[in-house]
Protein backbone atom coordinates (compact mmCIF):
# COMPACT_ATOMS: atom_id res chain seq x y z
CA UNK A 1 73.59 143.00 69.97
CA UNK A 2 74.43 140.04 72.25
CA UNK A 3 72.95 136.57 71.84
CA UNK A 4 70.50 136.98 74.72
CA UNK A 5 68.95 140.10 73.24
CA UNK A 6 68.73 138.52 69.78
CA UNK A 7 66.93 135.50 71.21
CA UNK A 8 64.54 137.75 73.13
CA UNK A 9 63.69 139.72 69.98
CA UNK A 10 63.19 136.48 68.06
CA UNK A 11 60.92 135.14 70.79
CA UNK A 12 58.83 138.36 70.81
CA UNK A 13 58.44 138.28 67.03
CA UNK A 14 57.23 134.65 67.09
CA UNK A 15 55.00 135.30 70.12
CA UNK A 16 53.26 138.33 68.65
CA UNK A 17 52.77 136.92 65.15
CA UNK A 18 51.47 133.45 65.98
CA UNK A 19 47.95 132.66 64.80
CA UNK A 20 47.41 130.70 68.03
CA UNK A 21 46.33 132.55 71.12
CA UNK A 22 49.07 132.50 73.79
CA UNK A 23 48.62 133.47 77.44
CA UNK A 24 51.48 133.40 79.95
CA UNK A 25 50.67 133.09 83.65
CA UNK A 26 52.56 133.44 86.91
CA UNK A 27 51.35 131.10 89.66
CA UNK A 28 50.18 132.75 92.90
CA UNK A 29 48.84 131.38 96.19
CA UNK A 30 51.07 128.30 95.87
CA UNK A 31 49.73 127.49 92.43
CA UNK A 32 46.04 127.69 93.30
CA UNK A 33 45.53 130.77 91.14
CA UNK A 34 47.28 132.43 88.20
CA UNK A 35 48.04 136.02 87.17
CA UNK A 36 48.39 137.14 83.55
CA UNK A 37 51.90 138.34 82.69
CA UNK A 38 51.71 138.21 78.87
CA UNK A 39 49.06 137.89 76.16
CA UNK A 40 49.66 137.93 72.41
CA UNK A 41 47.73 139.66 69.63
CA UNK A 42 45.96 136.51 68.50
CA UNK A 43 44.67 135.97 72.04
CA UNK A 44 43.36 139.55 72.12
CA UNK A 45 41.45 138.88 68.91
CA UNK A 46 40.12 135.46 69.98
CA UNK A 47 38.96 136.57 73.42
CA UNK A 48 37.94 140.17 72.75
CA UNK A 49 40.17 141.47 75.55
CA UNK A 50 43.04 143.94 75.38
CA UNK A 51 46.37 142.89 76.87
CA UNK A 52 46.57 146.16 78.83
CA UNK A 53 43.26 145.35 80.55
CA UNK A 54 44.34 142.00 81.98
CA UNK A 55 48.09 142.07 82.77
CA UNK A 56 48.46 141.62 86.52
CA UNK A 57 44.92 140.34 86.96
CA UNK A 58 43.88 136.90 88.12
CA UNK A 59 42.51 134.37 85.65
CA UNK A 60 39.03 134.09 87.16
CA UNK A 61 38.69 137.87 87.43
CA UNK A 62 39.00 138.11 83.65
CA UNK A 63 37.50 134.78 82.56
CA UNK A 64 35.08 133.78 85.35
CA UNK A 65 34.11 130.46 83.74
CA UNK A 66 37.66 129.17 83.32
CA UNK A 67 37.20 126.76 86.24
CA UNK A 68 34.10 125.17 84.64
CA UNK A 69 35.90 125.06 81.29
CA UNK A 70 38.73 122.99 82.80
CA UNK A 71 41.56 125.42 82.17
CA UNK A 72 42.15 126.33 85.81
CA UNK A 73 42.45 122.69 86.89
CA UNK A 74 44.81 121.98 83.98
CA UNK A 75 47.01 124.97 84.90
CA UNK A 76 47.14 123.76 88.50
CA UNK A 77 48.14 120.22 87.49
CA UNK A 78 50.83 121.44 85.11
CA UNK A 79 52.20 123.77 87.79
CA UNK A 80 52.29 120.91 90.28
CA UNK A 81 53.68 118.12 88.07
CA UNK A 82 55.58 120.00 85.35
CA UNK A 83 53.90 117.75 82.78
CA UNK A 84 52.34 119.36 79.67
CA UNK A 85 48.64 118.81 79.09
CA UNK A 86 46.41 118.80 76.03
CA UNK A 87 42.88 120.01 76.79
CA UNK A 88 40.50 118.67 74.10
CA UNK A 89 37.96 120.98 72.49
CA UNK A 90 35.40 122.37 74.96
CA UNK A 91 32.83 125.13 74.68
CA UNK A 92 33.56 128.37 76.57
CA UNK A 93 31.25 131.33 77.07
CA UNK A 94 31.34 134.56 79.07
CA UNK A 95 30.66 138.26 78.51
CA UNK A 96 33.82 138.68 76.41
CA UNK A 97 33.77 135.70 74.07
CA UNK A 98 32.36 132.29 73.32
CA UNK A 99 33.30 129.35 71.16
CA UNK A 100 35.05 126.00 71.02
CA UNK A 101 38.59 126.15 72.37
CA UNK A 102 41.41 123.62 72.22
CA UNK A 103 44.26 124.20 74.70
CA UNK A 104 47.84 123.04 75.10
CA UNK A 105 49.41 123.91 78.47
CA UNK A 106 53.04 123.61 79.52
CA UNK A 107 55.44 124.84 82.19
CA UNK A 108 58.46 127.01 81.40
CA UNK A 109 61.86 126.53 83.10
CA UNK A 110 61.29 129.66 85.19
CA UNK A 111 58.01 128.27 86.57
CA UNK A 112 55.63 130.37 84.47
CA UNK A 113 52.75 128.52 82.79
CA UNK A 114 51.87 128.94 79.10
CA UNK A 115 48.52 128.20 77.49
CA UNK A 116 48.49 127.95 73.69
CA UNK A 117 45.00 127.72 72.28
CA UNK A 118 42.95 127.69 69.10
CA UNK A 119 39.38 128.61 68.28
CA UNK A 120 37.96 125.63 66.36
CA UNK A 121 34.32 126.78 66.38
CA UNK A 122 34.02 126.74 62.58
CA UNK A 123 35.39 123.20 62.45
CA UNK A 124 32.95 121.99 65.13
CA UNK A 125 30.01 123.61 63.35
CA UNK A 126 31.04 121.93 60.10
CA UNK A 127 31.15 118.54 61.87
CA UNK A 128 27.71 119.15 63.41
CA UNK A 129 26.22 120.11 60.04
CA UNK A 130 27.59 116.94 58.44
CA UNK A 131 26.14 114.80 61.22
CA UNK A 132 22.75 116.53 61.00
CA UNK A 133 22.53 116.10 57.22
CA UNK A 134 23.93 112.61 56.83
CA UNK A 135 24.35 110.96 60.21
CA UNK A 136 27.62 109.25 61.08
CA UNK A 137 28.60 105.65 60.46
CA UNK A 138 31.89 104.44 61.88
CA UNK A 139 33.31 101.08 60.85
CA UNK A 140 36.37 99.89 62.75
CA UNK A 141 38.33 96.87 61.55
CA UNK A 142 40.86 95.20 63.85
CA UNK A 143 43.24 92.43 62.85
CA UNK A 144 43.10 89.25 64.98
CA UNK A 145 44.74 89.91 68.32
CA UNK A 146 44.50 89.17 71.99
CA UNK A 147 41.67 90.80 73.95
CA UNK A 148 43.07 92.95 76.75
CA UNK A 149 41.67 95.31 79.33
CA UNK A 150 42.61 98.95 78.69
CA UNK A 151 43.82 100.82 81.78
CA UNK A 152 41.96 103.71 83.36
CA UNK A 153 43.08 107.08 82.01
CA UNK A 154 42.70 110.69 83.11
CA UNK A 155 41.00 113.15 80.74
CA UNK A 156 40.75 116.73 82.04
CA UNK A 157 41.34 115.37 85.54
CA UNK A 158 38.47 112.84 85.37
CA UNK A 159 39.15 109.10 85.55
CA UNK A 160 37.63 107.16 82.68
CA UNK A 161 37.88 103.40 82.12
CA UNK A 162 37.64 102.47 78.42
CA UNK A 163 36.03 99.25 77.23
CA UNK A 164 38.12 96.18 76.49
CA UNK A 165 39.19 96.34 72.86
CA UNK A 166 41.39 94.19 70.66
CA UNK A 167 44.76 95.89 70.23
CA UNK A 168 48.14 95.15 68.76
CA UNK A 169 50.99 95.43 71.25
CA UNK A 170 53.42 98.00 69.88
CA UNK A 171 55.80 100.39 71.59
CA UNK A 172 55.62 104.17 71.21
CA UNK A 173 56.71 105.59 67.87
CA UNK A 174 59.75 107.86 67.71
CA UNK A 175 59.69 111.24 65.93
CA UNK A 176 62.81 113.24 65.09
CA UNK A 177 62.05 116.99 65.27
CA UNK A 178 64.41 119.16 63.21
CA UNK A 179 63.87 122.92 63.68
CA UNK A 180 66.30 125.76 64.30
CA UNK A 181 63.85 127.86 66.37
CA UNK A 182 64.26 126.89 70.03
CA UNK A 183 60.76 128.04 71.01
CA UNK A 184 59.04 126.25 68.13
CA UNK A 185 61.10 123.07 68.58
CA UNK A 186 60.32 122.95 72.30
CA UNK A 187 56.63 123.49 71.68
CA UNK A 188 56.48 120.68 69.11
CA UNK A 189 58.40 118.30 71.39
CA UNK A 190 55.93 118.96 74.19
CA UNK A 191 52.95 118.40 71.88
CA UNK A 192 54.39 115.10 70.68
CA UNK A 193 54.96 114.01 74.26
CA UNK A 194 51.31 114.74 75.08
CA UNK A 195 50.27 112.69 72.03
CA UNK A 196 52.27 109.71 73.26
CA UNK A 197 55.37 109.78 71.03
CA UNK A 198 59.02 109.40 71.94
CA UNK A 199 61.06 112.29 70.56
CA UNK A 200 64.57 113.23 69.46
CA UNK A 201 65.53 116.86 68.78
CA UNK A 202 67.93 118.45 66.28
CA UNK A 203 68.59 122.18 65.92
CA UNK A 204 69.34 122.30 62.17
CA UNK A 205 69.49 120.18 59.03
CA UNK A 206 73.07 119.03 59.50
CA UNK A 207 72.44 117.81 63.04
CA UNK A 208 69.18 116.21 61.94
CA UNK A 209 70.91 114.19 59.20
CA UNK A 210 73.68 113.17 61.59
CA UNK A 211 71.16 111.99 64.22
CA UNK A 212 69.07 110.14 61.63
CA UNK A 213 72.13 108.39 60.18
CA UNK A 214 73.04 107.10 63.63
CA UNK A 215 69.54 105.92 64.54
CA UNK A 216 67.51 105.49 61.35
CA UNK A 217 66.20 102.08 62.43
CA UNK A 218 64.71 103.55 65.62
CA UNK A 219 63.22 106.71 64.08
CA UNK A 220 59.73 106.25 62.62
CA UNK A 221 59.16 109.76 61.22
CA UNK A 222 61.00 113.05 60.76
CA UNK A 223 59.32 116.41 61.32
CA UNK A 224 61.55 118.68 59.24
CA UNK A 225 61.56 122.47 59.03
CA UNK A 226 61.76 123.88 55.50
CA UNK A 227 63.93 126.98 56.09
CA UNK A 228 67.02 126.52 58.29
CA UNK A 229 70.64 127.72 58.36
CA UNK A 230 73.61 125.46 57.47
CA UNK A 231 71.38 122.87 55.73
CA UNK A 232 67.80 123.68 54.74
CA UNK A 233 64.89 121.26 54.57
CA UNK A 234 65.34 120.52 50.86
CA UNK A 235 68.99 119.53 51.30
CA UNK A 236 68.30 117.61 54.50
CA UNK A 237 65.46 115.68 52.86
CA UNK A 238 67.83 114.61 50.05
CA UNK A 239 70.29 113.27 52.60
CA UNK A 240 67.59 111.49 54.60
CA UNK A 241 66.24 109.55 51.62
CA UNK A 242 69.79 108.57 50.66
CA UNK A 243 70.17 107.02 54.10
CA UNK A 244 66.71 105.42 54.09
CA UNK A 245 64.69 105.75 50.85
CA UNK A 246 61.33 104.99 52.49
CA UNK A 247 61.75 107.41 55.40
CA UNK A 248 58.52 109.23 56.37
CA UNK A 249 59.10 112.99 56.42
CA UNK A 250 56.65 115.80 57.17
CA UNK A 251 57.89 119.23 56.05
CA UNK A 252 56.84 122.21 58.18
CA UNK A 253 56.83 125.64 56.58
CA UNK A 254 55.20 129.05 56.51
CA UNK A 255 54.87 128.62 52.75
CA UNK A 256 51.87 126.87 51.21
CA UNK A 257 52.00 123.17 50.39
CA UNK A 258 52.03 123.95 46.64
CA UNK A 259 55.11 126.17 47.01
CA UNK A 260 56.91 123.61 49.18
CA UNK A 261 56.19 120.67 46.89
CA UNK A 262 57.52 122.54 43.83
CA UNK A 263 60.92 122.41 45.53
CA UNK A 264 60.95 118.60 45.22
CA UNK A 265 60.91 117.56 41.54
CA UNK A 266 61.72 113.93 42.40
CA UNK A 267 60.75 112.06 45.54
CA UNK A 268 58.60 114.20 47.79
CA UNK A 269 57.96 114.36 51.54
CA UNK A 270 55.04 112.31 52.85
CA UNK A 271 53.26 115.42 54.11
CA UNK A 272 53.40 119.18 54.66
CA UNK A 273 52.19 121.17 57.68
CA UNK A 274 51.65 124.90 57.21
CA UNK A 275 53.07 126.91 60.12
CA UNK A 276 51.71 127.73 62.58
CA UNK A 277 49.72 124.49 62.61
CA UNK A 278 47.20 123.31 65.17
CA UNK A 279 47.67 120.25 67.33
CA UNK A 280 44.73 118.53 65.63
CA UNK A 281 46.47 118.95 62.26
CA UNK A 282 49.72 117.50 63.63
CA UNK A 283 47.89 114.54 65.14
CA UNK A 284 45.95 113.91 61.91
CA UNK A 285 49.17 113.71 59.86
CA UNK A 286 50.89 111.48 62.40
CA UNK A 287 47.87 109.19 62.56
CA UNK A 288 47.77 109.02 58.75
CA UNK A 289 51.43 108.06 58.44
CA UNK A 290 52.07 106.08 61.62
CA UNK A 291 48.64 104.89 62.76
CA UNK A 292 46.64 106.23 65.67
CA UNK A 293 48.29 106.43 69.07
CA UNK A 294 44.89 106.09 70.76
């Protein structure tokens, strides 16, 4: 079997077994509308629609409220600009399904558009129950700093101007992503870009260690896959802490955190993300270790 066929089989296995819903669209009418060309099993389960019933159909013919939900506008912008977009949690409802959805949308090299999404309805209900029972008190402490005016930003295509807040002037943080799966690595790099981080990529443990050794002073955190050829995550972590003992490393793995941590009898990684992880989980870990990018 040639390399191209092996990569295609690997892609199909990842695509069909992801817990995230994934829809792949082909732009039509100069990017004003989109036709389904692929739909994974998780998406079938989340949306209550069979793949065979929607392939070749237009988005609004299957999900008539997608324009109100913001997905259509996000697909159009990503098609036009090529820039990935993160669509924060919004409530969707039609005859097939309903619930809170969080979307990540990006453009593939061939021009097709991919939407990767999660159902976070249970999480939103939990938050609402906590607020109803206890109320919410938020205390924000800022160190002394100069008062500046925050620029206007676009959220779901709408211009919003935040209030002036005291901030500390810092540049974007840099994350080194070490993963041997091209599809996964590309997806993570795009998510980090949306979250406001600079990124560096490495395709296995050996390359990751080599890149970190050359630029350890510029790299703020390493997102390190657990199982890789040539040098796995355990071996790579040992090399990273030899180069810089206080390096912040998040291990990513399909194994549970308990199983992963048992592999590190001495110094341990700063965090573990269980694959496939949601964007909110990634952001929470990065905020915990590096401070919020907002």
